[in-house]
Amino acid sequence: MVLLLVVIAIVAIILLRSIRIAKEWQRAVILRLGRFQRIGGPGLYLVLPLIEQATAVIDTRVQTTSITAEQALTRDTVAVGVDAIVFWQVSDARAAAVNIANYREAIERVAQTTLREMIGATELSRLLSDRQTADEKLRQSITSKTQTWGVTATSVEIRDVAIPKELQDAMSRQAQAEREKDARVTLASAEQEIARQVLAAAELYASNPTALRLRQMNLLYEMNKERGTTVLIPTDMAASLGSVLAVAKASGT
C-alpha cells in the first residue's frame, strides 16, 4: 500500500511538472533529447521531464521596431536623415527559435541596413512625394531577408525625411516660382478669353448700330442711377435717341 502511494505521488509530481500553460499569443518550442519535437500552446501542453525541454517561448503578436538612417545618401547624392518604424511578427515559431540566436536583434539590424539600401536606390524627389511606394518596397526587402527566421514584416512606415536646410530653402523658392508661373499662365488665359469676348461684342455692335446705341444709354444709366447727376447727351446720340426708342418700342409691340 505504501509503495502504491509512493508511485502515485511520483506520477502526480511528474504530471504537475509536465503541465505547462501558454497564453493565446505564445508558442513554446519543445525539444526532445536536443532535437526539435513540436510546438506547444496556446493553452495547456505537456513537457516530459528529463527527455523534453521547452527551450523558448515565442511571442507571435505584432511588434514594432524603430529604425533611423542619418546622413544617408540618396541616388542623386543628397544627404538625408530618415526615421521609420517597422511592424513585424513571428510567423514560424520553430524557425525563430532554431534558425537564429536572437531574432529581435536581427530584425533591427536587417531593417536598419535595408533602409539605407532603399535610400541609396531612390531619388530624393520620389522619396518625398511617394512614401507609400517606398514603404512597400522597404517592407518587401525586409521580409525577403527575414523569412528564413520565421519573421515577417507586416508594414513599414516612414515617419520623417530630414533634408539639409539649404536644400529646403532652394526647394521652397522653386515651389514659389512654380506657383507664380501657374498664376501668370492662368491670368494670361483669362485675359485671352476676355479679349475674345470683347472682340465678339465689337463685331456685333459694328454690324448693329442700334444695339450699340442701346448699350451706350445703358452704360450712362448704370453710371449715374445712384448719383442724381444731370447727364449731357452728345448731339449725335440725342438725334438718334428717338429712332432707337422707336425701334425698341416697335420690337416690344
Foldseek 3Di string as FASTA:
>chain_A
DVVVVVVVVVVVVQFVVFKDAADQQKWFFKAFQNHTDDIDDHGIDTAGPPGMDRPDIDGFDWDKDKEKDFQQQACVGFGKIWIKMWIKGQQDPCLLVPVDPHVVVVLRVLLRVLLSVLRHDHDPVCVVPPVVVSFVVSQVSSQVVCVSSRMHTPTMGTDDMGGDPVVVVVVVVVVVVVVVVVVVVVVVVVVVVVVVVVVVVVVVCVVPVLVVLVVVVVVVCVVCVPPPDDDDDDPVSVVCVVVSVVVVVVVVD
